[in-house]
Amino acid sequence: MCMPLKTVFSRHEGDGVQITDEPTGNLDSRTSQEVIGLLQTTSKNFHQTIVMITHNDEIAQSADRAIRIEDGKIVESRW
């Protein structure tokens, strides 16, 4: 199986922030969970913050913190 992962990897090197835009957008549910698990593991192991943009509520619920934006305005935040 081959899948593009370019959106999973940041342009930032080393510790810091990893930015992902819809990292599971075109994946099946099993592979999506594997990618989210990989992001969570690398976040913990390398002390990185993951900033993820997603339309998937299930994935958003797995985040430590979430900000919901609608029509350009913050409508909900969970800390």
PDB file of N, CA and C in Angstrom:
ATOM      1  N   MET A   1       0.840  -1.174   0.000  1.00  0.00           N
ATOM      2  CA  MET A   1       0.000   0.000   0.000  1.00  0.00           C
ATOM      3  C   MET A   1       0.884   1.236   0.000  1.00  0.00           C
ATOM      4  N   CYS A   2       0.534   2.194  -0.771  1.00  0.00           N
ATOM      5  CA  CYS A   2       1.284   3.440  -0.846  1.00  0.00           C
ATOM      6  C   CYS A   2       0.336   4.600  -0.572  1.00  0.00           C
ATOM      7  N   MET A   3       0.743   5.491   0.335  1.00  0.00           N
ATOM      8  CA  MET A   3      -0.090   6.664   0.590  1.00  0.00           C
ATOM      9  C   MET A   3       0.806   7.878   0.780  1.00  0.00           C
ATOM     10  N   PRO A   4       0.405   9.010   0.239  1.00  0.00           N
ATOM     11  CA  PRO A   4       1.203  10.212   0.410  1.00  0.00           C
ATOM     12  C   PRO A   4       1.068  10.733   1.843  1.00  0.00           C
ATOM     13  N   LEU A   5       2.192  11.078   2.452  1.00  0.00           N
ATOM     14  CA  LEU A   5       2.168  11.592   3.822  1.00  0.00           C
ATOM     15  C   LEU A   5       2.731  13.004   3.913  1.00  0.00           C
ATOM     16  N   LYS A   6       2.852  13.687   2.812  1.00  0.00           N
ATOM     17  CA  LYS A   6       3.489  14.994   2.850  1.00  0.00           C
ATOM     18  C   LYS A   6       2.788  15.963   3.787  1.00  0.00           C
ATOM     19  N   THR A   7       1.464  15.846   3.952  1.00  0.00           N
ATOM     20  CA  THR A   7       0.776  16.773   4.848  1.00  0.00           C
ATOM     21  C   THR A   7       1.043  16.468   6.313  1.00  0.00           C
ATOM     22  N   VAL A   8       1.528  15.274   6.605  1.00  0.00           N
ATOM     23  CA  VAL A   8       1.796  14.901   7.988  1.00  0.00           C
ATOM     24  C   VAL A   8       3.090  15.548   8.484  1.00  0.00           C
ATOM     25  N   PHE A   9       4.012  15.775   7.591  1.00  0.00           N
ATOM     26  CA  PHE A   9       5.313  16.249   8.011  1.00  0.00           C
ATOM     27  C   PHE A   9       5.449  17.757   7.846  1.00  0.00           C
ATOM     28  N   SER A  10       5.981  18.382   8.851  1.00  0.00           N
ATOM     29  CA  SER A  10       6.129  19.830   8.869  1.00  0.00           C
ATOM     30  C   SER A  10       7.359  20.273   8.105  1.00  0.00           C
ATOM     31  N   ARG A  11       7.399  21.530   7.811  1.00  0.00           N
ATOM     32  CA  ARG A  11       8.580  22.132   7.199  1.00  0.00           C
ATOM     33  C   ARG A  11       9.559  22.619   8.277  1.00  0.00           C
ATOM     34  N   HIS A  12       9.209  22.360   9.525  1.00  0.00           N
ATOM     35  CA  HIS A  12      10.038  22.763  10.663  1.00  0.00           C
ATOM     36  C   HIS A  12      10.883  21.573  11.096  1.00  0.00           C
ATOM     37  N   GLU A  13      12.142  21.794  11.367  1.00  0.00           N
ATOM     38  CA  GLU A  13      13.019  20.709  11.805  1.00  0.00           C
ATOM     39  C   GLU A  13      13.258  20.798  13.306  1.00  0.00           C
ATOM     40  N   GLY A  14      13.362  19.653  13.945  1.00  0.00           N
ATOM     41  CA  GLY A  14      13.701  19.609  15.363  1.00  0.00           C
ATOM     42  C   GLY A  14      12.494  19.800  16.262  1.00  0.00           C
ATOM     43  N   ASP A  15      12.768  20.051  17.559  1.00  0.00           N
ATOM     44  CA  ASP A  15      11.700  20.262  18.527  1.00  0.00           C
ATOM     45  C   ASP A  15      10.910  21.495  18.153  1.00  0.00           C
ATOM     46  N   GLY A  16       9.667  21.488  18.535  1.00  0.00           N
ATOM     47  CA  GLY A  16       8.850  22.657  18.273  1.00  0.00           C
ATOM     48  C   GLY A  16       7.445  22.296  17.886  1.00  0.00           C
ATOM     49  N   VAL A  17       6.994  22.877  16.811  1.00  0.00           N
ATOM     50  CA  VAL A  17       5.619  22.740  16.375  1.00  0.00           C
ATOM     51  C   VAL A  17       5.560  22.009  15.040  1.00  0.00           C
ATOM     52  N   GLN A  18       4.671  21.036  14.952  1.00  0.00           N
ATOM     53  CA  GLN A  18       4.400  20.341  13.695  1.00  0.00           C
ATOM     54  C   GLN A  18       3.004  20.760  13.251  1.00  0.00           C
ATOM     55  N   ILE A  19       2.877  21.256  12.044  1.00  0.00           N
ATOM     56  CA  ILE A  19       1.597  21.718  11.522  1.00  0.00           C
ATOM     57  C   ILE A  19       1.097  20.717  10.486  1.00  0.00           C
ATOM     58  N   THR A  20      -0.118  20.223  10.675  1.00  0.00           N
ATOM     59  CA  THR A  20      -0.696  19.272   9.733  1.00  0.00           C
ATOM     60  C   THR A  20      -2.051  19.786   9.272  1.00  0.00           C
ATOM     61  N   ASP A  21      -2.302  19.687   7.991  1.00  0.00           N
ATOM     62  CA  ASP A  21      -3.574  20.116   7.413  1.00  0.00           C
ATOM     63  C   ASP A  21      -4.280  18.894   6.850  1.00  0.00           C
ATOM     64  N   GLU A  22      -5.354  18.480   7.521  1.00  0.00           N
ATOM     65  CA  GLU A  22      -6.131  17.308   7.104  1.00  0.00           C
ATOM     66  C   GLU A  22      -5.247  16.081   6.861  1.00  0.00           C
ATOM     67  N   PRO A  23      -4.460  15.651   7.862  1.00  0.00           N
ATOM     68  CA  PRO A  23      -3.543  14.525   7.642  1.00  0.00           C
ATOM     69  C   PRO A  23      -4.252  13.209   7.342  1.00  0.00           C
ATOM     70  N   THR A  24      -5.534  13.115   7.653  1.00  0.00           N
ATOM     71  CA  THR A  24      -6.265  11.870   7.404  1.00  0.00           C
ATOM     72  C   THR A  24      -7.383  12.059   6.390  1.00  0.00           C
ATOM     73  N   GLY A  25      -7.378  13.151   5.676  1.00  0.00           N
ATOM     74  CA  GLY A  25      -8.476  13.516   4.786  1.00  0.00           C
ATOM     75  C   GLY A  25      -8.865  12.481   3.755  1.00  0.00           C
ATOM     76  N   ASN A  26      -7.924  11.774   3.163  1.00  0.00           N
ATOM     77  CA  ASN A  26      -8.225  10.812   2.103  1.00  0.00           C
ATOM     78  C   ASN A  26      -7.929   9.376   2.505  1.00  0.00           C
ATOM     79  N   LEU A  27      -7.908   9.106   3.803  1.00  0.00           N
ATOM     80  CA  LEU A  27      -7.529   7.775   4.277  1.00  0.00           C
ATOM     81  C   LEU A  27      -8.728   7.021   4.815  1.00  0.00           C
ATOM     82  N   ASP A  28      -8.638   5.691   4.793  1.00  0.00           N
ATOM     83  CA  ASP A  28      -9.679   4.880   5.425  1.00  0.00           C
ATOM     84  C   ASP A  28      -9.529   5.005   6.936  1.00  0.00           C
ATOM     85  N   SER A  29     -10.541   4.551   7.673  1.00  0.00           N
ATOM     86  CA  SER A  29     -10.559   4.763   9.124  1.00  0.00           C
ATOM     87  C   SER A  29      -9.395   4.082   9.836  1.00  0.00           C
ATOM     88  N   ARG A  30      -9.017   2.894   9.409  1.00  0.00           N
ATOM     89  CA  ARG A  30      -7.898   2.182  10.056  1.00  0.00           C
ATOM     90  C   ARG A  30      -6.586   2.942   9.870  1.00  0.00           C
ATOM     91  N   THR A  31      -6.321   3.340   8.650  1.00  0.00           N
ATOM     92  CA  THR A  31      -5.082   4.068   8.370  1.00  0.00           C
ATOM     93  C   THR A  31      -5.102   5.442   9.052  1.00  0.00           C
ATOM     94  N   SER A  32      -6.266   6.067   9.119  1.00  0.00           N
ATOM     95  CA  SER A  32      -6.391   7.353   9.812  1.00  0.00           C
ATOM     96  C   SER A  32      -5.970   7.222  11.268  1.00  0.00           C
ATOM     97  N   GLN A  33      -6.438   6.157  11.928  1.00  0.00           N
ATOM     98  CA  GLN A  33      -6.075   5.939  13.327  1.00  0.00           C
ATOM     99  C   GLN A  33      -4.576   5.692  13.479  1.00  0.00           C
ATOM    100  N   GLU A  34      -3.980   4.996  12.523  1.00  0.00           N
ATOM    101  CA  GLU A  34      -2.537   4.764  12.562  1.00  0.00           C
ATOM    102  C   GLU A  34      -1.769   6.080  12.433  1.00  0.00           C
ATOM    103  N   VAL A  35      -2.212   6.946  11.544  1.00  0.00           N
ATOM    104  CA  VAL A  35      -1.552   8.241  11.360  1.00  0.00           C
ATOM    105  C   VAL A  35      -1.701   9.094  12.615  1.00  0.00           C
ATOM    106  N   ILE A  36      -2.889   9.120  13.197  1.00  0.00           N
ATOM    107  CA  ILE A  36      -3.101   9.891  14.432  1.00  0.00           C
ATOM    108  C   ILE A  36      -2.231   9.326  15.551  1.00  0.00           C
ATOM    109  N   GLY A  37      -2.144   8.018  15.646  1.00  0.00           N
ATOM    110  CA  GLY A  37      -1.271   7.386  16.644  1.00  0.00           C
ATOM    111  C   GLY A  37       0.184   7.767  16.441  1.00  0.00           C
ATOM    112  N   LEU A  38       0.618   7.804  15.194  1.00  0.00           N
ATOM    113  CA  LEU A  38       1.989   8.210  14.878  1.00  0.00           C
ATOM    114  C   LEU A  38       2.230   9.661  15.292  1.00  0.00           C
ATOM    115  N   LEU A  39       1.283  10.534  15.000  1.00  0.00           N
ATOM    116  CA  LEU A  39       1.421  11.934  15.405  1.00  0.00           C
ATOM    117  C   LEU A  39       1.486  12.075  16.926  1.00  0.00           C
ATOM    118  N   GLN A  40       0.627  11.338  17.632  1.00  0.00           N
ATOM    119  CA  GLN A  40       0.628  11.398  19.091  1.00  0.00           C
ATOM    120  C   GLN A  40       1.942  10.877  19.673  1.00  0.00           C
ATOM    121  N   THR A  41       2.448   9.783  19.118  1.00  0.00           N
ATOM    122  CA  THR A  41       3.704   9.201  19.596  1.00  0.00           C
ATOM    123  C   THR A  41       4.877  10.147  19.357  1.00  0.00           C
ATOM    124  N   THR A  42       4.970  10.689  18.159  1.00  0.00           N
ATOM    125  CA  THR A  42       6.092  11.589  17.874  1.00  0.00           C
ATOM    126  C   THR A  42       5.982  12.864  18.692  1.00  0.00           C
ATOM    127  N   SER A  43       4.771  13.317  18.948  1.00  0.00           N
ATOM    128  CA  SER A  43       4.581  14.504  19.784  1.00  0.00           C
ATOM    129  C   SER A  43       5.154  14.276  21.182  1.00  0.00           C
ATOM    130  N   LYS A  44       4.842  13.122  21.750  1.00  0.00           N
ATOM    131  CA  LYS A  44       5.328  12.807  23.097  1.00  0.00           C
ATOM    132  C   LYS A  44       6.828  12.536  23.109  1.00  0.00           C
ATOM    133  N   ASN A  45       7.295  11.733  22.166  1.00  0.00           N
ATOM    134  CA  ASN A  45       8.709  11.336  22.160  1.00  0.00           C
ATOM    135  C   ASN A  45       9.657  12.488  21.852  1.00  0.00           C
ATOM    136  N   PHE A  46       9.220  13.419  21.023  1.00  0.00           N
ATOM    137  CA  PHE A  46      10.091  14.519  20.617  1.00  0.00           C
ATOM    138  C   PHE A  46       9.664  15.855  21.198  1.00  0.00           C
ATOM    139  N   HIS A  47       8.722  15.827  22.159  1.00  0.00           N
ATOM    140  CA  HIS A  47       8.275  17.032  22.857  1.00  0.00           C
ATOM    141  C   HIS A  47       7.826  18.113  21.878  1.00  0.00           C
ATOM    142  N   GLN A  48       6.959  17.714  20.968  1.00  0.00           N
ATOM    143  CA  GLN A  48       6.473  18.637  19.948  1.00  0.00           C
ATOM    144  C   GLN A  48       4.991  18.922  20.144  1.00  0.00           C
ATOM    145  N   THR A  49       4.604  20.099  19.747  1.00  0.00           N
ATOM    146  CA  THR A  49       3.201  20.482  19.705  1.00  0.00           C
ATOM    147  C   THR A  49       2.693  20.205  18.303  1.00  0.00           C
ATOM    148  N   ILE A  50       1.538  19.579  18.218  1.00  0.00           N
ATOM    149  CA  ILE A  50       0.918  19.309  16.918  1.00  0.00           C
ATOM    150  C   ILE A  50      -0.228  20.300  16.739  1.00  0.00           C
ATOM    151  N   VAL A  51      -0.192  21.055  15.674  1.00  0.00           N
ATOM    152  CA  VAL A  51      -1.308  21.909  15.288  1.00  0.00           C
ATOM    153  C   VAL A  51      -1.948  21.216  14.096  1.00  0.00           C
ATOM    154  N   MET A  52      -3.174  20.739  14.301  1.00  0.00           N
ATOM    155  CA  MET A  52      -3.839  19.958  13.259  1.00  0.00           C
ATOM    156  C   MET A  52      -5.134  20.632  12.837  1.00  0.00           C
ATOM    157  N   ILE A  53      -5.295  20.767  11.558  1.00  0.00           N
ATOM    158  CA  ILE A  53      -6.542  21.263  10.999  1.00  0.00           C
ATOM    159  C   ILE A  53      -7.306  20.044  10.509  1.00  0.00           C
ATOM    160  N   THR A  54      -8.547  19.881  10.970  1.00  0.00           N
ATOM    161  CA  THR A  54      -9.345  18.728  10.557  1.00  0.00           C
ATOM    162  C   THR A  54     -10.826  19.077  10.560  1.00  0.00           C
ATOM    163  N   HIS A  55     -11.569  18.396   9.716  1.00  0.00           N
ATOM    164  CA  HIS A  55     -13.026  18.482   9.717  1.00  0.00           C
ATOM    165  C   HIS A  55     -13.630  17.259  10.394  1.00  0.00           C
ATOM    166  N   ASN A  56     -12.781  16.353  10.870  1.00  0.00           N
ATOM    167  CA  ASN A  56     -13.226  15.107  11.475  1.00  0.00           C
ATOM    168  C   ASN A  56     -13.396  15.315  12.979  1.00  0.00           C
ATOM    169  N   ASP A  57     -14.646  15.339  13.449  1.00  0.00           N
ATOM    170  CA  ASP A  57     -14.919  15.578  14.873  1.00  0.00           C
ATOM    171  C   ASP A  57     -14.327  14.506  15.778  1.00  0.00           C
ATOM    172  N   GLU A  58     -14.310  13.257  15.321  1.00  0.00           N
ATOM    173  CA  GLU A  58     -13.750  12.169  16.123  1.00  0.00           C
ATOM    174  C   GLU A  58     -12.259  12.400  16.380  1.00  0.00           C
ATOM    175  N   ILE A  59     -11.545  12.800  15.352  1.00  0.00           N
ATOM    176  CA  ILE A  59     -10.124  13.086  15.505  1.00  0.00           C
ATOM    177  C   ILE A  59      -9.920  14.311  16.381  1.00  0.00           C
ATOM    178  N   ALA A  60     -10.733  15.315  16.198  1.00  0.00           N
ATOM    179  CA  ALA A  60     -10.623  16.533  17.012  1.00  0.00           C
ATOM    180  C   ALA A  60     -10.837  16.211  18.498  1.00  0.00           C
ATOM    181  N   GLN A  61     -11.729  15.278  18.790  1.00  0.00           N
ATOM    182  CA  GLN A  61     -11.991  14.903  20.186  1.00  0.00           C
ATOM    183  C   GLN A  61     -10.791  14.220  20.835  1.00  0.00           C
ATOM    184  N   SER A  62      -9.910  13.643  20.043  1.00  0.00           N
ATOM    185  CA  SER A  62      -8.741  12.966  20.602  1.00  0.00           C
ATOM    186  C   SER A  62      -7.629  13.944  20.987  1.00  0.00           C
ATOM    187  N   ALA A  63      -7.791  15.205  20.623  1.00  0.00           N
ATOM    188  CA  ALA A  63      -6.767  16.210  20.917  1.00  0.00           C
ATOM    189  C   ALA A  63      -6.804  16.627  22.382  1.00  0.00           C
ATOM    190  N   ASP A  64      -5.641  17.029  22.902  1.00  0.00           N
ATOM    191  CA  ASP A  64      -5.583  17.554  24.268  1.00  0.00           C
ATOM    192  C   ASP A  64      -6.299  18.900  24.368  1.00  0.00           C
ATOM    193  N   ARG A  65      -6.205  19.682  23.320  1.00  0.00           N
ATOM    194  CA  ARG A  65      -6.854  20.991  23.251  1.00  0.00           C
ATOM    195  C   ARG A  65      -7.462  21.150  21.867  1.00  0.00           C
ATOM    196  N   ALA A  66      -8.595  21.830  21.805  1.00  0.00           N
ATOM    197  CA  ALA A  66      -9.243  22.019  20.505  1.00  0.00           C
ATOM    198  C   ALA A  66      -9.859  23.405  20.425  1.00  0.00           C
ATOM    199  N   ILE A  67      -9.781  23.974  19.263  1.00  0.00           N
ATOM    200  CA  ILE A  67     -10.424  25.257  18.975  1.00  0.00           C
ATOM    201  C   ILE A  67     -11.276  25.046  17.733  1.00  0.00           C
ATOM    202  N   ARG A  68     -12.557  25.341  17.849  1.00  0.00           N
ATOM    203  CA  ARG A  68     -13.472  25.187  16.705  1.00  0.00           C
ATOM    204  C   ARG A  68     -13.729  26.567  16.112  1.00  0.00           C
ATOM    205  N   ILE A  69     -13.524  26.663  14.806  1.00  0.00           N
ATOM    206  CA  ILE A  69     -13.700  27.926  14.096  1.00  0.00           C
ATOM    207  C   ILE A  69     -14.794  27.752  13.050  1.00  0.00           C
ATOM    208  N   GLU A  70     -15.743  28.658  13.048  1.00  0.00           N
ATOM    209  CA  GLU A  70     -16.795  28.678  12.037  1.00  0.00           C
ATOM    210  C   GLU A  70     -16.902  30.085  11.488  1.00  0.00           C
ATOM    211  N   ASP A  71     -16.929  30.195  10.189  1.00  0.00           N
ATOM    212  CA  ASP A  71     -17.045  31.492   9.516  1.00  0.00           C
ATOM    213  C   ASP A  71     -15.996  32.478  10.009  1.00  0.00           C
ATOM    214  N   GLY A  72     -14.792  31.960  10.260  1.00  0.00           N
ATOM    215  CA  GLY A  72     -13.679  32.813  10.668  1.00  0.00           C
ATOM    216  C   GLY A  72     -13.685  33.262  12.116  1.00  0.00           C
ATOM    217  N   LYS A  73     -14.592  32.725  12.926  1.00  0.00           N
ATOM    218  CA  LYS A  73     -14.688  33.117  14.339  1.00  0.00           C
ATOM    219  C   LYS A  73     -14.576  31.891  15.226  1.00  0.00           C
ATOM    220  N   ILE A  74     -13.912  32.053  16.376  1.00  0.00           N
ATOM    221  CA  ILE A  74     -13.822  30.981  17.360  1.00  0.00           C
ATOM    222  C   ILE A  74     -15.189  30.827  18.015  1.00  0.00           C
ATOM    223  N   VAL A  75     -15.773  29.650  17.898  1.00  0.00           N
ATOM    224  CA  VAL A  75     -17.085  29.394  18.482  1.00  0.00           C
ATOM    225  C   VAL A  75     -17.024  28.451  19.679  1.00  0.00           C
ATOM    226  N   GLU A  76     -15.877  27.787  19.844  1.00  0.00           N
ATOM    227  CA  GLU A  76     -15.721  26.860  20.964  1.00  0.00           C
ATOM    228  C   GLU A  76     -14.244  26.596  21.179  1.00  0.00           C
ATOM    229  N   SER A  77     -13.855  26.472  22.432  1.00  0.00           N
ATOM    230  CA  SER A  77     -12.489  26.051  22.726  1.00  0.00           C
ATOM    231  C   SER A  77     -12.520  25.104  23.919  1.00  0.00           C
ATOM    232  N   ARG A  78     -11.700  24.079  23.846  1.00  0.00           N
ATOM    233  CA  ARG A  78     -11.606  23.082  24.912  1.00  0.00           C
ATOM    234  C   ARG A  78     -10.155  23.004  25.332  1.00  0.00           C
ATOM    235  N   TRP A  79      -9.877  23.321  26.578  1.00  0.00           N
ATOM    236  CA  TRP A  79      -8.490  23.321  27.091  1.00  0.00           C
ATOM    237  C   TRP A  79      -8.325  22.246  28.096  1.00  0.00           C
TER     238      TRP A  79
END
